[in-house]
């Protein structure tokens, strides 16, 4: 504000020799009226080369300013005139008493830790357009816990006039002031020092104290155990297997949950961001991926993404115990409870294996026969099937239903009569890395 005289400095004139008899005089004119004068009778110090316009003449509007110098020789030299504009009109606030504008999310839900996290730790407040804005105007803004406490938070200098004015309020400063209802207002000071009225306070609810990202391990209802160490018995397993994000996990509505089952290099690895229909916290694991970890321990985890950052949940370890019950036993055509008669056997003896829980196309099957030679030495094994890939038809009817899987009578003829020979069956759910043993079948070889 113009509440003090305005100091006007002038350059030193070329020739100066003031004395008591021949003083030199500097006069200031304000709209051609003299308003100040200074006289020197000795050498003029450089810091005295100024005159002042009194407060009484500082009226709003344009003014013509000039000065003159009367030299020691009595010659008066006038300056050129300079037109100044005195601005004594304070900025006039925009609509609704200058109430600051915030985006819909802030108006609806307040200033939250989540909001600041997603907006680079900045809260933007838009000023309604005010009258005659100018580059250099300074916006002082206040963040009060009581109306008009005038608790100064910061200032912003206007630079661009061709776009809306936003106050960037620092998120750390907001957190330092604590949570609760806050009254946000401002005052504009223009380049002339004129102050606007204080704006009407915008009332915001603040809940910006950061919430720790608690992302505990997933639950697997069909598994037993605790503390992140779980066990799943396939004998007790029923499809579908569901993993559930815990209710106390800190996850926001617009975030994406991605479940990870196993490691990316594993045959049974599975990842999904699609929850079970009708839910947002339950994820179904395909049976193929469940069975692929038979006899193994895998890591089950999840990642939460807000589109900018990824927050990994605490993983748990799940030990998968293979099927041990209800597995089919291989059958040899022509065998009964007494054994298998070699004399009545065809050259190729059909072998079959019924379907098992979880059977699927692409699973691998080994069927091997062992026995003893006459005299008791081990016979070389005979491979009925080696890493056979289950077909779609076999998924429905089992292996060997078409009598296309056989054991050579010639091999059986090398074995010791009256002794048992044994069928060994193994199935792999992970393309041959791990093999699950099925029940042995050991008929007696009869003449």
Protein backbone atom coordinates (compact mmCIF):
# COMPACT_ATOMS: atom_id res chain seq x y z
CA UNK A 1 0.00 0.00 0.00
CA UNK A 2 1.15 3.57 -0.70
CA UNK A 3 1.29 4.70 2.93
CA UNK A 4 4.81 6.18 2.72
CA UNK A 5 6.35 8.90 0.52
CA UNK A 6 7.59 7.69 -2.84
CA UNK A 7 11.34 8.09 -3.23
CA UNK A 8 12.53 9.26 -6.66
CA UNK A 9 16.24 9.06 -7.37
CA UNK A 10 17.95 11.28 -9.96
CA UNK A 11 21.35 11.06 -11.67
CA UNK A 12 24.13 13.47 -10.81
CA UNK A 13 24.25 16.44 -13.17
CA UNK A 14 27.44 17.06 -15.16
CA UNK A 15 28.85 20.11 -13.38
CA UNK A 16 28.32 20.75 -9.68
CA UNK A 17 30.07 23.30 -7.40
CA UNK A 18 27.61 24.30 -4.67
CA UNK A 19 28.67 26.77 -1.96
CA UNK A 20 26.93 28.88 0.68
CA UNK A 21 26.83 31.80 -1.73
CA UNK A 22 25.88 29.70 -4.78
CA UNK A 23 23.76 26.77 -3.60
CA UNK A 24 22.37 24.13 -5.92
CA UNK A 25 18.70 23.16 -5.76
CA UNK A 26 16.76 19.99 -6.79
CA UNK A 27 13.00 20.43 -7.18
CA UNK A 28 10.36 17.69 -7.78
CA UNK A 29 7.18 18.42 -9.77
CA UNK A 30 4.04 16.30 -9.57
CA UNK A 31 1.57 17.16 -12.31
CA UNK A 32 3.66 20.39 -12.76
CA UNK A 33 3.23 21.30 -9.10
CA UNK A 34 6.32 21.46 -6.90
CA UNK A 35 6.02 18.93 -4.09
CA UNK A 36 9.60 18.64 -2.77
CA UNK A 37 12.92 20.50 -2.81
CA UNK A 38 16.48 19.88 -1.62
CA UNK A 39 19.37 22.40 -1.37
CA UNK A 40 23.13 21.85 -1.08
CA UNK A 41 25.85 24.36 -0.18
CA UNK A 42 28.69 21.82 -0.30
CA UNK A 43 29.66 18.78 -2.36
CA UNK A 44 26.64 16.54 -2.80
CA UNK A 45 26.92 12.97 -1.42
CA UNK A 46 25.72 10.42 -3.94
CA UNK A 47 23.20 8.91 -1.49
CA UNK A 48 21.42 12.28 -1.21
CA UNK A 49 20.44 12.42 -4.87
CA UNK A 50 16.71 11.82 -4.35
CA UNK A 51 13.48 13.64 -3.65
CA UNK A 52 10.18 12.33 -2.31
CA UNK A 53 6.55 12.64 -3.34
CA UNK A 54 4.47 13.02 -0.16
CA UNK A 55 1.63 10.61 0.58
CA UNK A 56 -0.88 13.45 0.11
CA UNK A 57 -0.25 13.56 -3.65
CA UNK A 58 -0.31 9.79 -4.22
CA UNK A 59 -3.73 9.57 -5.78
CA UNK A 60 -5.00 6.74 -7.98
CA UNK A 61 -4.43 7.24 -11.68
CA UNK A 62 -1.77 8.59 -14.08
CA UNK A 63 0.59 11.38 -13.00
CA UNK A 64 3.25 13.48 -14.79
CA UNK A 65 6.52 13.55 -12.89
CA UNK A 66 9.54 15.77 -13.59
CA UNK A 67 12.32 17.57 -11.78
CA UNK A 68 14.64 20.51 -12.32
CA UNK A 69 18.14 21.39 -11.17
CA UNK A 70 19.22 24.94 -10.39
CA UNK A 71 23.01 24.98 -10.73
CA UNK A 72 25.58 27.02 -8.76
CA UNK A 73 25.52 29.54 -11.61
CA UNK A 74 21.75 30.06 -11.29
CA UNK A 75 20.89 28.25 -14.51
CA UNK A 76 17.79 26.05 -14.19
CA UNK A 77 17.76 22.80 -16.20
CA UNK A 78 14.43 20.87 -16.39
CA UNK A 79 14.20 17.09 -16.93
CA UNK A 80 11.99 15.31 -19.36
CA UNK A 81 8.59 14.35 -17.98
CA UNK A 82 7.77 10.79 -16.98
CA UNK A 83 4.22 9.51 -16.79
CA UNK A 84 3.53 7.10 -13.93
CA UNK A 85 0.35 5.22 -13.08
CA UNK A 86 -0.53 4.90 -9.44
CA UNK A 87 -2.61 1.84 -8.66
CA UNK A 88 -4.48 2.13 -5.39
CA UNK A 89 -7.33 -0.23 -6.37
CA UNK A 90 -7.09 -3.62 -4.61
CA UNK A 91 -7.70 -6.83 -6.59
CA UNK A 92 -11.38 -7.79 -6.65
CA UNK A 93 -12.04 -11.47 -6.00
CA UNK A 94 -13.90 -13.69 -8.44
CA UNK A 95 -17.32 -15.27 -8.05
CA UNK A 96 -18.63 -16.78 -4.83
CA UNK A 97 -16.35 -14.50 -2.81
CA UNK A 98 -13.28 -16.05 -4.39
CA UNK A 99 -14.02 -19.53 -3.03
CA UNK A 100 -11.24 -21.90 -4.12
CA UNK A 101 -12.20 -24.70 -6.48
CA UNK A 102 -11.08 -28.34 -6.01
CA UNK A 103 -11.64 -31.37 -8.17
CA UNK A 104 -14.63 -33.63 -7.67
CA UNK A 105 -12.69 -36.35 -5.87
CA UNK A 106 -11.54 -33.89 -3.19
CA UNK A 107 -14.97 -32.31 -2.82
CA UNK A 108 -16.55 -35.75 -2.46
CA UNK A 109 -13.99 -37.64 -0.41
CA UNK A 110 -11.67 -35.02 1.05
CA UNK A 111 -7.90 -34.86 0.91
CA UNK A 112 -6.75 -38.41 1.58
CA UNK A 113 -3.37 -40.08 1.71
CA UNK A 114 -4.50 -42.03 -1.33
CA UNK A 115 -5.32 -38.83 -3.26
CA UNK A 116 -1.93 -37.29 -2.53
CA UNK A 117 -0.24 -40.56 -3.42
CA UNK A 118 -1.90 -40.50 -6.84
CA UNK A 119 -1.30 -36.78 -7.50
CA UNK A 120 2.45 -36.50 -6.90
CA UNK A 121 1.87 -35.29 -3.32
CA UNK A 122 0.28 -32.04 -4.54
CA UNK A 123 -3.21 -30.64 -3.97
CA UNK A 124 -4.23 -28.18 -6.70
CA UNK A 125 -6.61 -25.37 -5.79
CA UNK A 126 -8.02 -23.27 -8.62
CA UNK A 127 -8.62 -19.54 -8.14
CA UNK A 128 -11.83 -18.19 -9.66
CA UNK A 129 -10.89 -15.49 -12.19
CA UNK A 130 -10.47 -12.12 -10.44
CA UNK A 131 -10.51 -8.59 -11.87
CA UNK A 132 -7.38 -7.26 -13.58
CA UNK A 133 -4.89 -10.00 -12.76
CA UNK A 134 -1.27 -9.14 -13.52
CA UNK A 135 1.96 -11.05 -13.73
CA UNK A 136 3.68 -10.55 -10.40
CA UNK A 137 0.53 -10.71 -8.29
CA UNK A 138 1.23 -12.76 -5.15
CA UNK A 139 -1.34 -15.17 -3.73
CA UNK A 140 -0.90 -15.86 -0.03
CA UNK A 141 -2.89 -18.89 1.05
CA UNK A 142 -3.91 -20.07 4.48
CA UNK A 143 -4.73 -23.48 5.96
CA UNK A 144 -6.72 -23.12 9.16
CA UNK A 145 -8.13 -25.58 11.66
CA UNK A 146 -10.55 -22.83 12.79
CA UNK A 147 -12.32 -20.34 10.50
CA UNK A 148 -10.12 -17.31 9.76
CA UNK A 149 -7.29 -18.36 12.04
CA UNK A 150 -5.10 -17.03 9.21
CA UNK A 151 -2.51 -19.77 9.56
CA UNK A 152 -0.26 -18.96 6.59
CA UNK A 153 0.85 -21.94 4.53
CA UNK A 154 2.49 -20.53 1.42
CA UNK A 155 2.47 -18.08 -1.46
CA UNK A 156 2.28 -18.30 -5.21
CA UNK A 157 3.39 -15.67 -7.73
CA UNK A 158 1.28 -15.30 -10.85
CA UNK A 159 3.30 -15.61 -14.06
CA UNK A 160 0.94 -16.74 -16.82
CA UNK A 161 -2.30 -14.90 -17.49
CA UNK A 162 -3.59 -16.98 -20.41
CA UNK A 163 -4.56 -19.99 -18.31
CA UNK A 164 -6.31 -20.72 -15.00
CA UNK A 165 -4.37 -20.00 -11.82
CA UNK A 166 -3.73 -23.03 -9.61
CA UNK A 167 -2.20 -23.01 -6.16
CA UNK A 168 0.07 -26.08 -5.76
CA UNK A 169 -0.38 -26.95 -2.08
CA UNK A 170 2.37 -29.25 -0.83
CA UNK A 171 1.22 -32.64 0.44
CA UNK A 172 3.84 -32.79 3.18
CA UNK A 173 2.67 -29.44 4.51
CA UNK A 174 -0.89 -30.77 4.54
CA UNK A 175 0.19 -33.88 6.48
CA UNK A 176 2.16 -31.75 8.95
CA UNK A 177 -1.01 -29.81 9.79
CA UNK A 178 -2.86 -33.00 10.73
CA UNK A 179 -6.25 -34.48 9.84
CA UNK A 180 -9.74 -33.08 10.32
CA UNK A 181 -11.79 -30.21 8.90
CA UNK A 182 -9.61 -27.51 7.35
CA UNK A 183 -10.54 -24.00 6.13
CA UNK A 184 -8.57 -22.94 3.06
CA UNK A 185 -8.56 -19.32 1.90
CA UNK A 186 -6.25 -16.74 0.35
CA UNK A 187 -5.51 -13.07 -0.20
CA UNK A 188 -4.07 -11.40 -3.30
CA UNK A 189 -1.35 -8.73 -3.15
CA UNK A 190 -0.76 -6.93 -6.44
CA UNK A 191 2.55 -5.40 -7.53
CA UNK A 192 1.57 -2.04 -6.06
CA UNK A 193 1.05 -3.69 -2.67
CA UNK A 194 -2.74 -3.46 -2.72
CA UNK A 195 -4.43 -6.29 -0.84
CA UNK A 196 -7.67 -7.94 -1.84
CA UNK A 197 -10.28 -9.01 0.63
CA UNK A 198 -9.74 -12.45 2.11
CA UNK A 199 -11.56 -15.13 0.18
CA UNK A 200 -14.39 -17.17 1.54
CA UNK A 201 -12.88 -20.30 3.11
CA UNK A 202 -13.28 -23.63 1.34
CA UNK A 203 -13.96 -26.35 3.87
CA UNK A 204 -12.08 -29.61 3.24
CA UNK A 205 -12.04 -32.84 5.19
CA UNK A 206 -8.44 -34.02 5.52
CA UNK A 207 -7.46 -37.64 6.11
CA UNK A 208 -3.92 -37.50 4.81
CA UNK A 209 -2.05 -39.45 7.46
CA UNK A 210 -0.41 -42.22 5.41
CA UNK A 211 -1.95 -45.65 5.94
CA UNK A 212 0.66 -48.43 5.97
CA UNK A 213 0.30 -50.75 3.00
CA UNK A 214 -0.79 -53.85 4.88
CA UNK A 215 -0.96 -56.62 2.28
CA UNK A 216 -0.95 -59.93 4.16
CA UNK A 217 -0.79 -63.30 2.44
CA UNK A 218 -3.68 -64.78 0.52
CA UNK A 219 -5.93 -67.36 2.11
CA UNK A 220 -6.51 -70.73 0.45
CA UNK A 221 -9.66 -72.21 2.03
CA UNK A 222 -8.92 -75.76 0.85
CA UNK A 223 -5.43 -75.70 2.39
CA UNK A 224 -4.42 -76.19 5.99
CA UNK A 225 -1.70 -74.42 7.95
CA UNK A 226 -1.00 -70.92 9.18
CA UNK A 227 1.62 -68.21 9.26
CA UNK A 228 2.19 -68.24 5.54
CA UNK A 229 3.04 -71.95 5.46
CA UNK A 230 0.15 -73.90 3.94
CA UNK A 231 -0.45 -77.44 2.75
CA UNK A 232 -2.92 -78.72 0.16
CA UNK A 233 -3.76 -82.42 -0.04
CA UNK A 234 -4.99 -83.29 -3.50
CA UNK A 235 -6.95 -86.19 -2.02
CA UNK A 236 -9.11 -83.52 -0.31
CA UNK A 237 -9.11 -81.10 -3.23
CA UNK A 238 -12.27 -80.18 -5.12
CA UNK A 239 -12.29 -77.94 -8.16
CA UNK A 240 -12.33 -75.02 -8.37
CA UNK A 241 -9.52 -73.94 -6.09
CA UNK A 242 -10.04 -70.35 -4.93
CA UNK A 243 -7.55 -67.99 -3.33
CA UNK A 244 -8.89 -65.01 -1.41
CA UNK A 245 -7.40 -61.59 -0.75
CA UNK A 246 -7.69 -60.92 3.01
CA UNK A 247 -10.24 -58.37 4.15
CA UNK A 248 -7.64 -56.36 6.06
CA UNK A 249 -5.48 -55.77 2.99
CA UNK A 250 -5.18 -52.03 2.25
CA UNK A 251 -6.48 -51.88 -1.31
CA UNK A 252 -8.38 -49.01 -2.88
CA UNK A 253 -11.41 -49.44 -5.17
CA UNK A 254 -9.66 -48.34 -8.37
CA UNK A 255 -6.60 -50.54 -7.90
CA UNK A 256 -5.89 -53.77 -9.75
CA UNK A 257 -5.05 -57.02 -7.96
CA UNK A 258 -2.91 -59.53 -9.83
CA UNK A 259 -2.62 -63.01 -8.31
CA UNK A 260 0.55 -64.99 -8.98
CA UNK A 261 0.60 -68.78 -8.67
CA UNK A 262 4.11 -70.19 -8.77
CA UNK A 263 7.11 -68.85 -10.66
CA UNK A 264 7.02 -67.64 -14.28
CA UNK A 265 9.39 -70.39 -15.42
CA UNK A 266 7.21 -73.17 -14.00
CA UNK A 267 4.97 -75.33 -16.16
CA UNK A 268 2.01 -74.64 -13.87
CA UNK A 269 2.61 -70.91 -13.46
CA UNK A 270 -0.59 -68.88 -13.57
CA UNK A 271 -1.37 -65.21 -13.10
CA UNK A 272 -4.66 -63.37 -13.34
CA UNK A 273 -6.18 -60.00 -12.61
CA UNK A 274 -9.75 -61.21 -13.19
CA UNK A 275 -11.60 -62.05 -9.96
CA UNK A 276 -14.34 -64.63 -9.76
CA UNK A 277 -17.58 -63.33 -11.27
CA UNK A 278 -19.54 -61.32 -8.73
CA UNK A 279 -16.56 -60.75 -6.43
CA UNK A 280 -13.53 -58.52 -6.23
CA UNK A 281 -11.35 -60.53 -3.84
CA UNK A 282 -11.67 -64.17 -4.96
CA UNK A 283 -9.54 -65.64 -7.75
CA UNK A 284 -9.93 -69.09 -9.31
CA UNK A 285 -6.82 -71.15 -10.06
CA UNK A 286 -7.21 -73.52 -13.05
CA UNK A 287 -7.00 -77.20 -12.19
CA UNK A 288 -4.12 -77.66 -14.64
CA UNK A 289 -2.04 -75.23 -12.57
CA UNK A 290 -3.08 -76.82 -9.28
CA UNK A 291 -2.13 -80.36 -10.31
CA UNK A 292 1.10 -79.21 -11.96
CA UNK A 293 2.57 -78.56 -8.51
CA UNK A 294 1.94 -82.08 -7.20
CA UNK A 295 4.75 -83.13 -4.83
CA UNK A 296 6.12 -79.57 -4.88
CA UNK A 297 5.97 -76.35 -2.89
CA UNK A 298 5.09 -73.14 -4.66
CA UNK A 299 4.85 -69.48 -3.75
CA UNK A 300 1.40 -67.91 -3.93
CA UNK A 301 1.30 -64.12 -3.93
CA UNK A 302 -0.28 -61.04 -5.40
CA UNK A 303 0.58 -57.53 -6.51
CA UNK A 304 -1.58 -54.42 -6.16
CA UNK A 305 -1.20 -51.72 -8.80
CA UNK A 306 -2.56 -48.17 -8.81
CA UNK A 307 -1.46 -47.55 -12.40
CA UNK A 308 1.77 -45.88 -11.30
CA UNK A 309 3.26 -48.07 -8.60
CA UNK A 310 3.17 -51.78 -7.82
CA UNK A 311 2.76 -52.97 -4.23
CA UNK A 312 3.64 -56.64 -3.67
CA UNK A 313 1.60 -58.56 -1.13
CA UNK A 314 3.20 -60.93 1.35
CA UNK A 315 3.60 -64.31 -0.38
CA UNK A 316 2.81 -67.63 1.26
CA UNK A 317 4.29 -71.06 0.62
CA UNK A 318 1.90 -73.83 -0.40
CA UNK A 319 2.97 -77.46 -0.27
CA UNK A 320 0.91 -79.64 -2.62
CA UNK A 321 0.67 -83.29 -1.61
CA UNK A 322 0.00 -85.57 -4.57
CA UNK A 323 -2.99 -87.87 -5.04
CA UNK A 324 -2.61 -91.00 -2.96
CA UNK A 325 -6.14 -92.35 -2.91
CA UNK A 326 -8.73 -93.18 -5.55
CA UNK A 327 -6.21 -93.64 -8.36
CA UNK A 328 -7.05 -96.33 -10.93
CA UNK A 329 -5.07 -99.52 -11.26
CA UNK A 330 -3.93 -100.73 -14.63
CA UNK A 331 -5.84 -103.71 -16.08
CA UNK A 332 -4.50 -106.54 -18.24
CA UNK A 333 -7.03 -108.25 -20.51
CA UNK A 334 -7.35 -111.96 -19.67
CA UNK A 335 -6.06 -111.67 -16.10
CA UNK A 336 -8.21 -112.70 -13.15
CA UNK A 337 -7.77 -113.17 -9.42
CA UNK A 338 -5.63 -116.25 -10.04
CA UNK A 339 -3.25 -114.51 -12.39
CA UNK A 340 -2.61 -114.36 -16.13
CA UNK A 341 -2.39 -117.43 -18.35
CA UNK A 342 0.31 -117.06 -20.95
CA UNK A 343 -0.93 -120.00 -22.98
CA UNK A 344 -4.26 -118.38 -23.86
CA UNK A 345 -2.79 -114.94 -24.50
CA UNK A 346 -2.75 -113.24 -27.92
CA UNK A 347 0.51 -111.90 -29.34
CA UNK A 348 -0.39 -108.39 -28.19
CA UNK A 349 -2.19 -108.32 -24.84
CA UNK A 350 -4.40 -105.25 -24.37
CA UNK A 351 -3.59 -103.02 -21.38
CA UNK A 352 -5.95 -100.35 -20.06
CA UNK A 353 -6.04 -97.64 -17.40
CA UNK A 354 -9.22 -95.91 -16.28
CA UNK A 355 -9.68 -92.18 -15.90
CA UNK A 356 -8.43 -90.40 -12.76
CA UNK A 357 -9.35 -87.21 -10.96
CA UNK A 358 -8.08 -84.22 -12.88
CA UNK A 359 -7.22 -86.12 -16.06
CA UNK A 360 -6.60 -83.69 -18.90
CA UNK A 361 -5.22 -83.53 -22.40
CA UNK A 362 -1.44 -83.31 -22.47
CA UNK A 363 -0.72 -85.07 -19.20
CA UNK A 364 2.08 -87.61 -19.52
CA UNK A 365 1.79 -91.33 -18.75
CA UNK A 366 4.42 -94.02 -18.24
CA UNK A 367 3.43 -97.71 -18.06
CA UNK A 368 6.33 -100.08 -17.45
CA UNK A 369 6.37 -103.83 -16.76
CA UNK A 370 9.03 -105.57 -14.67
CA UNK A 371 9.49 -109.18 -13.66
CA UNK A 372 12.05 -111.93 -13.01
CA UNK A 373 13.73 -114.33 -15.36
CA UNK A 374 13.84 -118.05 -14.68
CA UNK A 375 16.34 -118.48 -11.87
CA UNK A 376 15.44 -115.17 -10.20
CA UNK A 377 17.41 -112.52 -12.07
CA UNK A 378 15.59 -109.27 -12.86
CA UNK A 379 14.22 -109.11 -16.36
CA UNK A 380 14.82 -105.95 -18.35
CA UNK A 381 11.82 -103.60 -18.03
CA UNK A 382 9.28 -103.43 -20.83
CA UNK A 383 7.86 -100.01 -21.71
CA UNK A 384 4.21 -100.18 -22.62
CA UNK A 385 3.96 -96.36 -22.76
CA UNK A 386 6.70 -93.80 -22.36
CA UNK A 387 5.81 -90.16 -21.64
CA UNK A 388 2.59 -90.70 -23.56
CA UNK A 389 0.52 -87.53 -23.99
CA UNK A 390 -3.11 -88.02 -22.99
CA UNK A 391 -5.57 -87.39 -25.83
CA UNK A 392 -9.03 -85.92 -25.76
CA UNK A 393 -10.61 -89.34 -26.30
CA UNK A 394 -8.57 -90.82 -23.44
CA UNK A 395 -9.79 -88.05 -21.12
CA UNK A 396 -13.31 -89.37 -21.67
CA UNK A 397 -12.72 -93.14 -21.81
CA UNK A 398 -9.35 -93.80 -20.26
CA UNK A 399 -6.19 -95.27 -21.79
CA UNK A 400 -6.41 -98.43 -23.87
CA UNK A 401 -10.19 -98.38 -24.26
CA UNK A 402 -9.72 -99.14 -27.96
CA UNK A 403 -7.27 -101.99 -27.25
CA UNK A 404 -4.53 -99.89 -28.83
CA UNK A 405 -2.20 -100.13 -25.82
CA UNK A 406 -0.63 -103.59 -25.52
CA UNK A 407 1.98 -105.74 -23.82
CA UNK A 408 4.04 -108.15 -25.92
CA UNK A 409 3.37 -111.86 -25.28
CA UNK A 410 6.96 -112.50 -26.34
CA UNK A 411 8.21 -110.40 -23.40
CA UNK A 412 6.00 -112.30 -20.98
CA UNK A 413 7.34 -115.57 -22.39
CA UNK A 414 10.81 -114.64 -21.10
CA UNK A 415 9.60 -114.38 -17.51
CA UNK A 416 9.59 -117.06 -14.80
CA UNK A 417 6.30 -118.92 -14.67
CA UNK A 418 4.58 -119.03 -11.34
CA UNK A 419 6.09 -115.67 -10.29
CA UNK A 420 4.44 -112.28 -10.37
CA UNK A 421 5.23 -109.55 -12.85
CA UNK A 422 4.43 -105.91 -12.05
CA UNK A 423 2.87 -102.95 -13.86
CA UNK A 424 4.30 -99.58 -12.79
CA UNK A 425 2.19 -96.56 -13.73
CA UNK A 426 3.31 -92.94 -13.39
CA UNK A 427 1.49 -89.78 -14.44
CA UNK A 428 3.00 -86.34 -14.80
CA UNK A 429 0.91 -83.19 -14.45
CA UNK A 430 3.81 -80.88 -15.34
CA UNK A 431 4.94 -82.22 -18.72
CA UNK A 432 7.34 -84.77 -17.34
CA UNK A 433 9.21 -82.88 -14.63
CA UNK A 434 7.51 -84.62 -11.71
CA UNK A 435 5.92 -88.07 -11.73
CA UNK A 436 3.09 -89.33 -9.54
CA UNK A 437 3.02 -93.06 -8.85
CA UNK A 438 -0.27 -94.91 -9.36
CA UNK A 439 -1.10 -98.25 -7.65
CA UNK A 440 1.03 -101.22 -8.66
CA UNK A 441 -0.55 -104.26 -10.29
CA UNK A 442 1.23 -107.61 -9.91
CA UNK A 443 -0.57 -110.64 -11.39
CA UNK A 444 1.01 -114.12 -11.30
CA UNK A 445 2.25 -115.43 -14.62
CA UNK A 446 0.60 -118.80 -15.28
CA UNK A 447 1.51 -121.34 -17.99
